[in-house]
Protein backbone atom coordinates (compact mmCIF):
# COMPACT_ATOMS: atom_id res chain seq x y z
CA UNK A 1 0.00 0.00 0.00
CA UNK A 2 1.36 3.41 -0.98
CA UNK A 3 1.81 6.13 1.58
CA UNK A 4 0.57 9.66 0.99
CA UNK A 5 4.19 10.65 0.55
CA UNK A 6 4.60 8.06 -2.22
CA UNK A 7 1.39 9.21 -3.89
CA UNK A 8 2.46 12.84 -3.82
CA UNK A 9 5.80 11.97 -5.35
CA UNK A 10 3.99 10.15 -8.18
CA UNK A 11 1.71 13.13 -8.79
CA UNK A 12 4.73 15.43 -8.83
CA UNK A 13 6.40 13.33 -11.51
CA UNK A 14 3.50 14.33 -13.78
CA UNK A 15 3.16 17.91 -12.54
CA UNK A 16 6.46 18.92 -10.91
CA UNK A 17 5.65 22.63 -10.88
CA UNK A 18 2.24 22.34 -9.17
CA UNK A 19 2.39 24.58 -6.07
CA UNK A 20 -0.30 22.68 -4.14
CA UNK A 21 1.41 19.34 -4.68
CA UNK A 22 4.76 20.76 -3.58
CA UNK A 23 3.15 22.32 -0.50
CA UNK A 24 1.47 19.00 0.34
CA UNK A 25 4.80 17.22 -0.15
CA UNK A 26 6.46 19.59 2.33
CA UNK A 27 3.71 19.01 4.91
CA UNK A 28 3.89 15.22 4.52
CA UNK A 29 7.69 15.30 4.61
CA UNK A 30 7.59 17.24 7.86
CA UNK A 31 5.00 14.83 9.29
CA UNK A 32 7.33 11.97 8.41
CA UNK A 33 10.02 13.62 10.52
CA UNK A 34 12.28 15.17 7.88
CA UNK A 35 12.01 18.82 8.88
CA UNK A 36 15.12 19.87 6.96
CA UNK A 37 13.78 18.46 3.69
CA UNK A 38 10.39 20.10 4.36
CA UNK A 39 12.17 23.42 4.91
CA UNK A 40 14.05 23.00 1.62
CA UNK A 41 10.83 22.23 -0.27
CA UNK A 42 9.07 25.28 1.21
CA UNK A 43 11.99 27.56 0.40
CA UNK A 44 11.96 26.37 -3.21
CA UNK A 45 8.18 26.74 -3.39
CA UNK A 46 8.35 30.30 -2.10
CA UNK A 47 11.00 31.15 -4.69
CA UNK A 48 9.16 29.55 -7.61
CA UNK A 49 5.60 30.50 -6.59
CA UNK A 50 5.80 33.57 -4.35
CA UNK A 51 2.04 34.14 -4.61
CA UNK A 52 1.24 30.70 -3.19
CA UNK A 53 0.61 32.25 0.20
CA UNK A 54 0.00 29.08 2.21
CA UNK A 55 3.76 28.60 2.13
CA UNK A 56 4.65 31.59 4.29
CA UNK A 57 3.30 30.54 7.67
CA UNK A 58 4.84 27.07 7.61
CA UNK A 59 8.12 28.29 6.15
CA UNK A 60 8.41 30.92 8.86
CA UNK A 61 7.53 28.43 11.58
CA UNK A 62 10.17 25.96 10.40
CA UNK A 63 12.77 28.69 10.12
CA UNK A 64 12.09 29.59 13.76
CA UNK A 65 12.49 25.95 14.76
CA UNK A 66 15.90 25.98 13.09
CA UNK A 67 16.87 29.16 14.94
CA UNK A 68 16.73 31.40 11.87
CA UNK A 69 14.78 34.25 13.48
CA UNK A 70 15.73 37.03 11.06
CA UNK A 71 14.83 34.95 8.03
CA UNK A 72 11.54 33.93 9.67
CA UNK A 73 10.75 37.57 10.39
CA UNK A 74 11.30 38.48 6.73
CA UNK A 75 9.12 35.56 5.58
CA UNK A 76 6.26 36.49 7.93
CA UNK A 77 6.47 40.13 6.79
CA UNK A 78 6.40 39.12 3.13
CA UNK A 79 3.51 36.73 3.81
CA UNK A 80 1.52 39.49 5.51
CA UNK A 81 2.09 41.78 2.53
CA UNK A 82 1.08 39.15 -0.03
CA UNK A 83 -1.99 37.87 1.85
CA UNK A 84 -3.17 41.42 2.46
CA UNK A 85 -2.87 42.16 -1.26
CA UNK A 86 -4.82 39.01 -2.11
CA UNK A 87 -7.41 39.71 0.62
CA UNK A 88 -6.89 36.31 2.23
CA UNK A 89 -8.15 37.31 5.65
CA UNK A 90 -7.76 34.04 7.55
CA UNK A 91 -4.19 33.45 6.44
CA UNK A 92 -3.41 37.14 6.96
CA UNK A 93 -4.58 36.85 10.57
CA UNK A 94 -2.37 33.78 11.16
CA UNK A 95 0.67 35.44 9.66
CA UNK A 96 0.08 38.72 11.49
CA UNK A 97 -0.25 36.84 14.76
CA UNK A 98 2.99 34.92 14.12
CA UNK A 99 4.75 38.17 13.20
CA UNK A 100 3.44 39.96 16.29
CA UNK A 101 4.51 37.10 18.54
CA UNK A 102 7.97 37.20 17.05
CA UNK A 103 8.28 40.96 17.34
CA UNK A 104 6.92 41.26 20.88
CA UNK A 105 8.53 38.17 22.43
CA UNK A 106 11.96 39.79 22.40
PDB file of N, CA and C in Angstrom:
ATOM      1  N   UNK A   1       0.836  -1.190   0.000  1.00  0.00           N
ATOM      2  CA  UNK A   1       0.000   0.000   0.000  1.00  0.00           C
ATOM      3  C   UNK A   1       0.882   1.256   0.000  1.00  0.00           C
ATOM      4  N   UNK A   2       0.566   2.189  -0.856  1.00  0.00           N
ATOM      5  CA  UNK A   2       1.361   3.406  -0.977  1.00  0.00           C
ATOM      6  C   UNK A   2       1.009   4.389   0.126  1.00  0.00           C
ATOM      7  N   UNK A   3       2.038   5.070   0.609  1.00  0.00           N
ATOM      8  CA  UNK A   3       1.812   6.130   1.581  1.00  0.00           C
ATOM      9  C   UNK A   3       1.394   7.403   0.847  1.00  0.00           C
ATOM     10  N   UNK A   4       0.903   8.373   1.612  1.00  0.00           N
ATOM     11  CA  UNK A   4       0.567   9.664   0.993  1.00  0.00           C
ATOM     12  C   UNK A   4       1.808  10.300   0.396  1.00  0.00           C
ATOM     13  N   UNK A   5       2.929  10.106   1.059  1.00  0.00           N
ATOM     14  CA  UNK A   5       4.187  10.649   0.547  1.00  0.00           C
ATOM     15  C   UNK A   5       4.524  10.039  -0.812  1.00  0.00           C
ATOM     16  N   UNK A   6       4.361   8.737  -0.939  1.00  0.00           N
ATOM     17  CA  UNK A   6       4.602   8.064  -2.219  1.00  0.00           C
ATOM     18  C   UNK A   6       3.640   8.565  -3.301  1.00  0.00           C
ATOM     19  N   UNK A   7       2.384   8.728  -2.927  1.00  0.00           N
ATOM     20  CA  UNK A   7       1.388   9.212  -3.891  1.00  0.00           C
ATOM     21  C   UNK A   7       1.715  10.622  -4.367  1.00  0.00           C
ATOM     22  N   UNK A   8       2.103  11.471  -3.437  1.00  0.00           N
ATOM     23  CA  UNK A   8       2.456  12.836  -3.815  1.00  0.00           C
ATOM     24  C   UNK A   8       3.654  12.862  -4.753  1.00  0.00           C
ATOM     25  N   UNK A   9       4.636  12.029  -4.476  1.00  0.00           N
ATOM     26  CA  UNK A   9       5.802  11.967  -5.351  1.00  0.00           C
ATOM     27  C   UNK A   9       5.411  11.522  -6.760  1.00  0.00           C
ATOM     28  N   UNK A  10       4.477  10.583  -6.858  1.00  0.00           N
ATOM     29  CA  UNK A  10       3.991  10.149  -8.177  1.00  0.00           C
ATOM     30  C   UNK A  10       3.284  11.291  -8.897  1.00  0.00           C
ATOM     31  N   UNK A  11       2.414  11.998  -8.184  1.00  0.00           N
ATOM     32  CA  UNK A  11       1.710  13.126  -8.791  1.00  0.00           C
ATOM     33  C   UNK A  11       2.698  14.192  -9.273  1.00  0.00           C
ATOM     34  N   UNK A  12       3.739  14.421  -8.473  1.00  0.00           N
ATOM     35  CA  UNK A  12       4.729  15.434  -8.826  1.00  0.00           C
ATOM     36  C   UNK A  12       5.576  15.042 -10.030  1.00  0.00           C
ATOM     37  N   UNK A  13       5.703  13.750 -10.295  1.00  0.00           N
ATOM     38  CA  UNK A  13       6.398  13.327 -11.511  1.00  0.00           C
ATOM     39  C   UNK A  13       5.658  13.827 -12.743  1.00  0.00           C
ATOM     40  N   UNK A  14       4.322  13.865 -12.660  1.00  0.00           N
ATOM     41  CA  UNK A  14       3.499  14.328 -13.778  1.00  0.00           C
ATOM     42  C   UNK A  14       3.365  15.843 -13.812  1.00  0.00           C
ATOM     43  N   UNK A  15       3.333  16.464 -12.629  1.00  0.00           N
ATOM     44  CA  UNK A  15       3.156  17.913 -12.538  1.00  0.00           C
ATOM     45  C   UNK A  15       4.158  18.492 -11.529  1.00  0.00           C
ATOM     46  N   UNK A  16       5.424  18.517 -11.879  1.00  0.00           N
ATOM     47  CA  UNK A  16       6.456  18.919 -10.909  1.00  0.00           C
ATOM     48  C   UNK A  16       6.368  20.374 -10.451  1.00  0.00           C
ATOM     49  N   UNK A  17       5.701  21.211 -11.212  1.00  0.00           N
ATOM     50  CA  UNK A  17       5.645  22.630 -10.882  1.00  0.00           C
ATOM     51  C   UNK A  17       4.351  23.018 -10.167  1.00  0.00           C
ATOM     52  N   UNK A  18       3.517  22.053  -9.819  1.00  0.00           N
ATOM     53  CA  UNK A  18       2.238  22.343  -9.171  1.00  0.00           C
ATOM     54  C   UNK A  18       2.485  22.820  -7.734  1.00  0.00           C
ATOM     55  N   UNK A  19       2.088  24.059  -7.404  1.00  0.00           N
ATOM     56  CA  UNK A  19       2.387  24.576  -6.066  1.00  0.00           C
ATOM     57  C   UNK A  19       1.666  23.813  -4.954  1.00  0.00           C
ATOM     58  N   UNK A  20       0.412  23.420  -5.185  1.00  0.00           N
ATOM     59  CA  UNK A  20      -0.300  22.683  -4.138  1.00  0.00           C
ATOM     60  C   UNK A  20       0.374  21.350  -3.847  1.00  0.00           C
ATOM     61  N   UNK A  21       0.762  20.639  -4.892  1.00  0.00           N
ATOM     62  CA  UNK A  21       1.413  19.344  -4.682  1.00  0.00           C
ATOM     63  C   UNK A  21       2.745  19.493  -3.948  1.00  0.00           C
ATOM     64  N   UNK A  22       3.494  20.526  -4.279  1.00  0.00           N
ATOM     65  CA  UNK A  22       4.759  20.764  -3.580  1.00  0.00           C
ATOM     66  C   UNK A  22       4.524  21.150  -2.123  1.00  0.00           C
ATOM     67  N   UNK A  23       3.513  21.953  -1.875  1.00  0.00           N
ATOM     68  CA  UNK A  23       3.152  22.318  -0.501  1.00  0.00           C
ATOM     69  C   UNK A  23       2.752  21.065   0.281  1.00  0.00           C
ATOM     70  N   UNK A  24       1.902  20.238  -0.311  1.00  0.00           N
ATOM     71  CA  UNK A  24       1.471  19.002   0.340  1.00  0.00           C
ATOM     72  C   UNK A  24       2.667  18.083   0.604  1.00  0.00           C
ATOM     73  N   UNK A  25       3.596  18.023  -0.334  1.00  0.00           N
ATOM     74  CA  UNK A  25       4.799  17.219  -0.148  1.00  0.00           C
ATOM     75  C   UNK A  25       5.599  17.725   1.057  1.00  0.00           C
ATOM     76  N   UNK A  26       5.731  19.028   1.182  1.00  0.00           N
ATOM     77  CA  UNK A  26       6.456  19.595   2.326  1.00  0.00           C
ATOM     78  C   UNK A  26       5.774  19.224   3.636  1.00  0.00           C
ATOM     79  N   UNK A  27       4.440  19.316   3.680  1.00  0.00           N
ATOM     80  CA  UNK A  27       3.711  19.008   4.906  1.00  0.00           C
ATOM     81  C   UNK A  27       3.848  17.521   5.268  1.00  0.00           C
ATOM     82  N   UNK A  28       3.749  16.662   4.275  1.00  0.00           N
ATOM     83  CA  UNK A  28       3.892  15.219   4.523  1.00  0.00           C
ATOM     84  C   UNK A  28       5.326  14.862   4.912  1.00  0.00           C
ATOM     85  N   UNK A  29       6.286  15.532   4.297  1.00  0.00           N
ATOM     86  CA  UNK A  29       7.689  15.300   4.615  1.00  0.00           C
ATOM     87  C   UNK A  29       7.967  15.695   6.060  1.00  0.00           C
ATOM     88  N   UNK A  30       7.420  16.818   6.467  1.00  0.00           N
ATOM     89  CA  UNK A  30       7.591  17.235   7.862  1.00  0.00           C
ATOM     90  C   UNK A  30       6.916  16.237   8.809  1.00  0.00           C
ATOM     91  N   UNK A  31       5.712  15.813   8.461  1.00  0.00           N
ATOM     92  CA  UNK A  31       4.999  14.832   9.290  1.00  0.00           C
ATOM     93  C   UNK A  31       5.778  13.529   9.426  1.00  0.00           C
ATOM     94  N   UNK A  32       6.515  13.189   8.384  1.00  0.00           N
ATOM     95  CA  UNK A  32       7.329  11.966   8.406  1.00  0.00           C
ATOM     96  C   UNK A  32       8.617  12.150   9.203  1.00  0.00           C
ATOM     97  N   UNK A  33       8.866  13.382   9.666  1.00  0.00           N
ATOM     98  CA  UNK A  33      10.020  13.620  10.518  1.00  0.00           C
ATOM     99  C   UNK A  33      11.214  14.275   9.860  1.00  0.00           C
ATOM    100  N   UNK A  34      11.143  14.556   8.564  1.00  0.00           N
ATOM    101  CA  UNK A  34      12.280  15.172   7.877  1.00  0.00           C
ATOM    102  C   UNK A  34      12.042  16.677   7.747  1.00  0.00           C
ATOM    103  N   UNK A  35      12.277  17.382   8.849  1.00  0.00           N
ATOM    104  CA  UNK A  35      12.009  18.822   8.883  1.00  0.00           C
ATOM    105  C   UNK A  35      12.940  19.605   7.962  1.00  0.00           C
ATOM    106  N   UNK A  36      14.189  19.165   7.833  1.00  0.00           N
ATOM    107  CA  UNK A  36      15.124  19.874   6.955  1.00  0.00           C
ATOM    108  C   UNK A  36      14.669  19.793   5.503  1.00  0.00           C
ATOM    109  N   UNK A  37      14.258  18.625   5.066  1.00  0.00           N
ATOM    110  CA  UNK A  37      13.777  18.463   3.686  1.00  0.00           C
ATOM    111  C   UNK A  37      12.508  19.286   3.472  1.00  0.00           C
ATOM    112  N   UNK A  38      11.613  19.292   4.469  1.00  0.00           N
ATOM    113  CA  UNK A  38      10.393  20.099   4.365  1.00  0.00           C
ATOM    114  C   UNK A  38      10.743  21.579   4.222  1.00  0.00           C
ATOM    115  N   UNK A  39      11.716  22.030   4.997  1.00  0.00           N
ATOM    116  CA  UNK A  39      12.166  23.419   4.905  1.00  0.00           C
ATOM    117  C   UNK A  39      12.698  23.715   3.511  1.00  0.00           C
ATOM    118  N   UNK A  40      13.490  22.814   2.965  1.00  0.00           N
ATOM    119  CA  UNK A  40      14.048  23.002   1.621  1.00  0.00           C
ATOM    120  C   UNK A  40      12.939  23.086   0.571  1.00  0.00           C
ATOM    121  N   UNK A  41      11.947  22.226   0.687  1.00  0.00           N
ATOM    122  CA  UNK A  41      10.826  22.235  -0.269  1.00  0.00           C
ATOM    123  C   UNK A  41      10.070  23.556  -0.181  1.00  0.00           C
ATOM    124  N   UNK A  42       9.796  24.020   1.040  1.00  0.00           N
ATOM    125  CA  UNK A  42       9.065  25.277   1.215  1.00  0.00           C
ATOM    126  C   UNK A  42       9.861  26.475   0.713  1.00  0.00           C
ATOM    127  N   UNK A  43      11.167  26.462   0.929  1.00  0.00           N
ATOM    128  CA  UNK A  43      11.994  27.562   0.399  1.00  0.00           C
ATOM    129  C   UNK A  43      11.925  27.601  -1.127  1.00  0.00           C
ATOM    130  N   UNK A  44      12.038  26.445  -1.739  1.00  0.00           N
ATOM    131  CA  UNK A  44      11.957  26.374  -3.205  1.00  0.00           C
ATOM    132  C   UNK A  44      10.586  26.821  -3.681  1.00  0.00           C
ATOM    133  N   UNK A  45       9.539  26.363  -3.008  1.00  0.00           N
ATOM    134  CA  UNK A  45       8.176  26.743  -3.389  1.00  0.00           C
ATOM    135  C   UNK A  45       7.985  28.248  -3.295  1.00  0.00           C
ATOM    136  N   UNK A  46       8.477  28.855  -2.243  1.00  0.00           N
ATOM    137  CA  UNK A  46       8.354  30.304  -2.100  1.00  0.00           C
ATOM    138  C   UNK A  46       9.091  31.034  -3.225  1.00  0.00           C
ATOM    139  N   UNK A  47      10.236  30.511  -3.628  1.00  0.00           N
ATOM    140  CA  UNK A  47      11.003  31.154  -4.690  1.00  0.00           C
ATOM    141  C   UNK A  47      10.377  30.968  -6.060  1.00  0.00           C
ATOM    142  N   UNK A  48       9.743  29.820  -6.293  1.00  0.00           N
ATOM    143  CA  UNK A  48       9.159  29.554  -7.609  1.00  0.00           C
ATOM    144  C   UNK A  48       7.716  30.024  -7.725  1.00  0.00           C
ATOM    145  N   UNK A  49       7.014  30.090  -6.602  1.00  0.00           N
ATOM    146  CA  UNK A  49       5.599  30.502  -6.592  1.00  0.00           C
ATOM    147  C   UNK A  49       5.364  31.448  -5.416  1.00  0.00           C
ATOM    148  N   UNK A  50       5.904  32.655  -5.493  1.00  0.00           N
ATOM    149  CA  UNK A  50       5.803  33.574  -4.350  1.00  0.00           C
ATOM    150  C   UNK A  50       4.368  33.966  -3.991  1.00  0.00           C
ATOM    151  N   UNK A  51       3.437  33.814  -4.904  1.00  0.00           N
ATOM    152  CA  UNK A  51       2.040  34.142  -4.607  1.00  0.00           C
ATOM    153  C   UNK A  51       1.254  32.965  -4.031  1.00  0.00           C
ATOM    154  N   UNK A  52       1.900  31.817  -3.852  1.00  0.00           N
ATOM    155  CA  UNK A  52       1.237  30.696  -3.186  1.00  0.00           C
ATOM    156  C   UNK A  52       1.387  30.935  -1.686  1.00  0.00           C
ATOM    157  N   UNK A  53       0.448  31.670  -1.137  1.00  0.00           N
ATOM    158  CA  UNK A  53       0.612  32.251   0.197  1.00  0.00           C
ATOM    159  C   UNK A  53       0.551  31.243   1.346  1.00  0.00           C
ATOM    160  N   UNK A  54       0.026  30.076   1.137  1.00  0.00           N
ATOM    161  CA  UNK A  54      -0.005  29.077   2.214  1.00  0.00           C
ATOM    162  C   UNK A  54       1.398  28.719   2.677  1.00  0.00           C
ATOM    163  N   UNK A  55       2.366  28.930   1.838  1.00  0.00           N
ATOM    164  CA  UNK A  55       3.758  28.600   2.131  1.00  0.00           C
ATOM    165  C   UNK A  55       4.321  29.408   3.290  1.00  0.00           C
ATOM    166  N   UNK A  56       3.954  30.664   3.407  1.00  0.00           N
ATOM    167  CA  UNK A  56       4.654  31.592   4.289  1.00  0.00           C
ATOM    168  C   UNK A  56       4.578  31.232   5.770  1.00  0.00           C
ATOM    169  N   UNK A  57       3.420  30.853   6.249  1.00  0.00           N
ATOM    170  CA  UNK A  57       3.299  30.536   7.671  1.00  0.00           C
ATOM    171  C   UNK A  57       4.192  29.351   8.041  1.00  0.00           C
ATOM    172  N   UNK A  58       4.081  28.280   7.282  1.00  0.00           N
ATOM    173  CA  UNK A  58       4.838  27.073   7.607  1.00  0.00           C
ATOM    174  C   UNK A  58       6.341  27.257   7.392  1.00  0.00           C
ATOM    175  N   UNK A  59       6.701  27.998   6.372  1.00  0.00           N
ATOM    176  CA  UNK A  59       8.117  28.289   6.149  1.00  0.00           C
ATOM    177  C   UNK A  59       8.676  29.091   7.316  1.00  0.00           C
ATOM    178  N   UNK A  60       7.960  30.119   7.729  1.00  0.00           N
ATOM    179  CA  UNK A  60       8.411  30.922   8.862  1.00  0.00           C
ATOM    180  C   UNK A  60       8.512  30.110  10.144  1.00  0.00           C
ATOM    181  N   UNK A  61       7.532  29.264  10.376  1.00  0.00           N
ATOM    182  CA  UNK A  61       7.525  28.426  11.581  1.00  0.00           C
ATOM    183  C   UNK A  61       8.733  27.487  11.599  1.00  0.00           C
ATOM    184  N   UNK A  62       9.010  26.851  10.457  1.00  0.00           N
ATOM    185  CA  UNK A  62      10.168  25.956  10.402  1.00  0.00           C
ATOM    186  C   UNK A  62      11.481  26.724  10.561  1.00  0.00           C
ATOM    187  N   UNK A  63      11.558  27.884   9.965  1.00  0.00           N
ATOM    188  CA  UNK A  63      12.765  28.690  10.121  1.00  0.00           C
ATOM    189  C   UNK A  63      13.016  29.012  11.596  1.00  0.00           C
ATOM    190  N   UNK A  64      11.953  29.331  12.322  1.00  0.00           N
ATOM    191  CA  UNK A  64      12.094  29.586  13.756  1.00  0.00           C
ATOM    192  C   UNK A  64      12.593  28.350  14.488  1.00  0.00           C
ATOM    193  N   UNK A  65      12.061  27.194  14.118  1.00  0.00           N
ATOM    194  CA  UNK A  65      12.489  25.948  14.755  1.00  0.00           C
ATOM    195  C   UNK A  65      13.977  25.685  14.522  1.00  0.00           C
ATOM    196  N   UNK A  66      14.476  26.152  13.395  1.00  0.00           N
ATOM    197  CA  UNK A  66      15.902  25.978  13.087  1.00  0.00           C
ATOM    198  C   UNK A  66      16.754  27.153  13.585  1.00  0.00           C
ATOM    199  N   UNK A  67      16.127  28.054  14.348  1.00  0.00           N
ATOM    200  CA  UNK A  67      16.867  29.163  14.935  1.00  0.00           C
ATOM    201  C   UNK A  67      17.179  30.295  13.974  1.00  0.00           C
ATOM    202  N   UNK A  68      16.464  30.370  12.877  1.00  0.00           N
ATOM    203  CA  UNK A  68      16.725  31.401  11.865  1.00  0.00           C
ATOM    204  C   UNK A  68      15.679  32.523  12.015  1.00  0.00           C
ATOM    205  N   UNK A  69      15.766  33.245  13.127  1.00  0.00           N
ATOM    206  CA  UNK A  69      14.776  34.250  13.480  1.00  0.00           C
ATOM    207  C   UNK A  69      14.660  35.368  12.441  1.00  0.00           C
ATOM    208  N   UNK A  70      15.778  35.919  12.003  1.00  0.00           N
ATOM    209  CA  UNK A  70      15.735  37.035  11.057  1.00  0.00           C
ATOM    210  C   UNK A  70      15.095  36.623   9.736  1.00  0.00           C
ATOM    211  N   UNK A  71      15.427  35.442   9.282  1.00  0.00           N
ATOM    212  CA  UNK A  71      14.831  34.951   8.033  1.00  0.00           C
ATOM    213  C   UNK A  71      13.333  34.699   8.217  1.00  0.00           C
ATOM    214  N   UNK A  72      12.955  34.158   9.374  1.00  0.00           N
ATOM    215  CA  UNK A  72      11.541  33.925   9.667  1.00  0.00           C
ATOM    216  C   UNK A  72      10.778  35.250   9.699  1.00  0.00           C
ATOM    217  N   UNK A  73      11.372  36.246  10.322  1.00  0.00           N
ATOM    218  CA  UNK A  73      10.751  37.574  10.393  1.00  0.00           C
ATOM    219  C   UNK A  73      10.488  38.111   8.988  1.00  0.00           C
ATOM    220  N   UNK A  74      11.460  38.005   8.107  1.00  0.00           N
ATOM    221  CA  UNK A  74      11.297  38.482   6.729  1.00  0.00           C
ATOM    222  C   UNK A  74      10.208  37.696   5.998  1.00  0.00           C
ATOM    223  N   UNK A  75      10.134  36.394   6.235  1.00  0.00           N
ATOM    224  CA  UNK A  75       9.123  35.561   5.582  1.00  0.00           C
ATOM    225  C   UNK A  75       7.729  35.933   6.080  1.00  0.00           C
ATOM    226  N   UNK A  76       7.568  36.095   7.391  1.00  0.00           N
ATOM    227  CA  UNK A  76       6.263  36.494   7.930  1.00  0.00           C
ATOM    228  C   UNK A  76       5.851  37.858   7.386  1.00  0.00           C
ATOM    229  N   UNK A  77       6.785  38.790   7.320  1.00  0.00           N
ATOM    230  CA  UNK A  77       6.469  40.127   6.786  1.00  0.00           C
ATOM    231  C   UNK A  77       6.037  40.044   5.327  1.00  0.00           C
ATOM    232  N   UNK A  78       6.760  39.271   4.542  1.00  0.00           N
ATOM    233  CA  UNK A  78       6.395  39.119   3.135  1.00  0.00           C
ATOM    234  C   UNK A  78       5.039  38.433   3.008  1.00  0.00           C
ATOM    235  N   UNK A  79       4.797  37.430   3.824  1.00  0.00           N
ATOM    236  CA  UNK A  79       3.510  36.733   3.810  1.00  0.00           C
ATOM    237  C   UNK A  79       2.358  37.655   4.151  1.00  0.00           C
ATOM    238  N   UNK A  80       2.555  38.519   5.146  1.00  0.00           N
ATOM    239  CA  UNK A  80       1.519  39.492   5.511  1.00  0.00           C
ATOM    240  C   UNK A  80       1.216  40.393   4.321  1.00  0.00           C
ATOM    241  N   UNK A  81       2.264  40.882   3.686  1.00  0.00           N
ATOM    242  CA  UNK A  81       2.094  41.779   2.532  1.00  0.00           C
ATOM    243  C   UNK A  81       1.327  41.083   1.402  1.00  0.00           C
ATOM    244  N   UNK A  82       1.712  39.853   1.088  1.00  0.00           N
ATOM    245  CA  UNK A  82       1.080  39.147  -0.029  1.00  0.00           C
ATOM    246  C   UNK A  82      -0.357  38.729   0.285  1.00  0.00           C
ATOM    247  N   UNK A  83      -0.615  38.271   1.517  1.00  0.00           N
ATOM    248  CA  UNK A  83      -1.989  37.868   1.846  1.00  0.00           C
ATOM    249  C   UNK A  83      -2.905  39.083   1.947  1.00  0.00           C
ATOM    250  N   UNK A  84      -2.364  40.188   2.413  1.00  0.00           N
ATOM    251  CA  UNK A  84      -3.172  41.421   2.457  1.00  0.00           C
ATOM    252  C   UNK A  84      -3.544  41.840   1.037  1.00  0.00           C
ATOM    253  N   UNK A  85      -2.600  41.775   0.121  1.00  0.00           N
ATOM    254  CA  UNK A  85      -2.865  42.155  -1.265  1.00  0.00           C
ATOM    255  C   UNK A  85      -3.896  41.231  -1.922  1.00  0.00           C
ATOM    256  N   UNK A  86      -3.888  39.971  -1.534  1.00  0.00           N
ATOM    257  CA  UNK A  86      -4.824  39.006  -2.113  1.00  0.00           C
ATOM    258  C   UNK A  86      -6.123  38.913  -1.318  1.00  0.00           C
ATOM    259  N   UNK A  87      -6.216  39.682  -0.231  1.00  0.00           N
ATOM    260  CA  UNK A  87      -7.407  39.707   0.623  1.00  0.00           C
ATOM    261  C   UNK A  87      -7.753  38.331   1.192  1.00  0.00           C
ATOM    262  N   UNK A  88      -6.720  37.621   1.603  1.00  0.00           N
ATOM    263  CA  UNK A  88      -6.889  36.307   2.231  1.00  0.00           C
ATOM    264  C   UNK A  88      -6.883  36.505   3.748  1.00  0.00           C
ATOM    265  N   UNK A  89      -8.048  36.842   4.274  1.00  0.00           N
ATOM    266  CA  UNK A  89      -8.148  37.312   5.650  1.00  0.00           C
ATOM    267  C   UNK A  89      -7.716  36.284   6.705  1.00  0.00           C
ATOM    268  N   UNK A  90      -8.106  35.045   6.543  1.00  0.00           N
ATOM    269  CA  UNK A  90      -7.763  34.039   7.546  1.00  0.00           C
ATOM    270  C   UNK A  90      -6.249  33.832   7.617  1.00  0.00           C
ATOM    271  N   UNK A  91      -5.647  33.649   6.480  1.00  0.00           N
ATOM    272  CA  UNK A  91      -4.192  33.455   6.442  1.00  0.00           C
ATOM    273  C   UNK A  91      -3.466  34.726   6.884  1.00  0.00           C
ATOM    274  N   UNK A  92      -3.986  35.868   6.511  1.00  0.00           N
ATOM    275  CA  UNK A  92      -3.405  37.136   6.956  1.00  0.00           C
ATOM    276  C   UNK A  92      -3.395  37.203   8.480  1.00  0.00           C
ATOM    277  N   UNK A  93      -4.498  36.820   9.103  1.00  0.00           N
ATOM    278  CA  UNK A  93      -4.575  36.851  10.570  1.00  0.00           C
ATOM    279  C   UNK A  93      -3.539  35.913  11.199  1.00  0.00           C
ATOM    280  N   UNK A  94      -3.369  34.722  10.635  1.00  0.00           N
ATOM    281  CA  UNK A  94      -2.375  33.776  11.163  1.00  0.00           C
ATOM    282  C   UNK A  94      -0.958  34.335  11.039  1.00  0.00           C
ATOM    283  N   UNK A  95      -0.663  34.892   9.885  1.00  0.00           N
ATOM    284  CA  UNK A  95       0.672  35.444   9.664  1.00  0.00           C
ATOM    285  C   UNK A  95       0.928  36.670  10.529  1.00  0.00           C
ATOM    286  N   UNK A  96      -0.075  37.519  10.660  1.00  0.00           N
ATOM    287  CA  UNK A  96       0.075  38.717  11.487  1.00  0.00           C
ATOM    288  C   UNK A  96       0.287  38.334  12.944  1.00  0.00           C
ATOM    289  N   UNK A  97      -0.416  37.320  13.397  1.00  0.00           N
ATOM    290  CA  UNK A  97      -0.249  36.836  14.764  1.00  0.00           C
ATOM    291  C   UNK A  97       1.165  36.278  14.977  1.00  0.00           C
ATOM    292  N   UNK A  98       1.644  35.478  14.027  1.00  0.00           N
ATOM    293  CA  UNK A  98       2.991  34.921  14.122  1.00  0.00           C
ATOM    294  C   UNK A  98       4.033  36.040  14.126  1.00  0.00           C
ATOM    295  N   UNK A  99       3.826  37.031  13.273  1.00  0.00           N
ATOM    296  CA  UNK A  99       4.748  38.166  13.203  1.00  0.00           C
ATOM    297  C   UNK A  99       4.736  38.944  14.508  1.00  0.00           C
ATOM    298  N   UNK A 100       3.550  39.225  15.030  1.00  0.00           N
ATOM    299  CA  UNK A 100       3.445  39.960  16.291  1.00  0.00           C
ATOM    300  C   UNK A 100       4.105  39.210  17.434  1.00  0.00           C
ATOM    301  N   UNK A 101       3.873  37.905  17.492  1.00  0.00           N
ATOM    302  CA  UNK A 101       4.507  37.100  18.536  1.00  0.00           C
ATOM    303  C   UNK A 101       6.014  37.169  18.450  1.00  0.00           C
ATOM    304  N   UNK A 102       6.524  37.142  17.258  1.00  0.00           N
ATOM    305  CA  UNK A 102       7.974  37.196  17.051  1.00  0.00           C
ATOM    306  C   UNK A 102       8.521  38.573  17.439  1.00  0.00           C
ATOM    307  N   UNK A 103       7.804  39.616  17.067  1.00  0.00           N
ATOM    308  CA  UNK A 103       8.282  40.963  17.344  1.00  0.00           C
ATOM    309  C   UNK A 103       8.192  41.323  18.830  1.00  0.00           C
ATOM    310  N   UNK A 104       7.165  40.825  19.497  1.00  0.00           N
ATOM    311  CA  UNK A 104       6.924  41.257  20.877  1.00  0.00           C
ATOM    312  C   UNK A 104       7.399  40.256  21.913  1.00  0.00           C
ATOM    313  N   UNK A 105       7.980  39.151  21.499  1.00  0.00           N
ATOM    314  CA  UNK A 105       8.534  38.173  22.431  1.00  0.00           C
ATOM    315  C   UNK A 105      10.022  38.385  22.669  1.00  0.00           C
ATOM    316  N   UNK A 106      10.525  39.516  22.247  1.00  0.00           N
ATOM    317  CA  UNK A 106      11.960  39.786  22.395  1.00  0.00           C
ATOM    318  C   UNK A 106      12.286  40.139  23.838  1.00  0.00           C
TER     319      UNK A 106
END
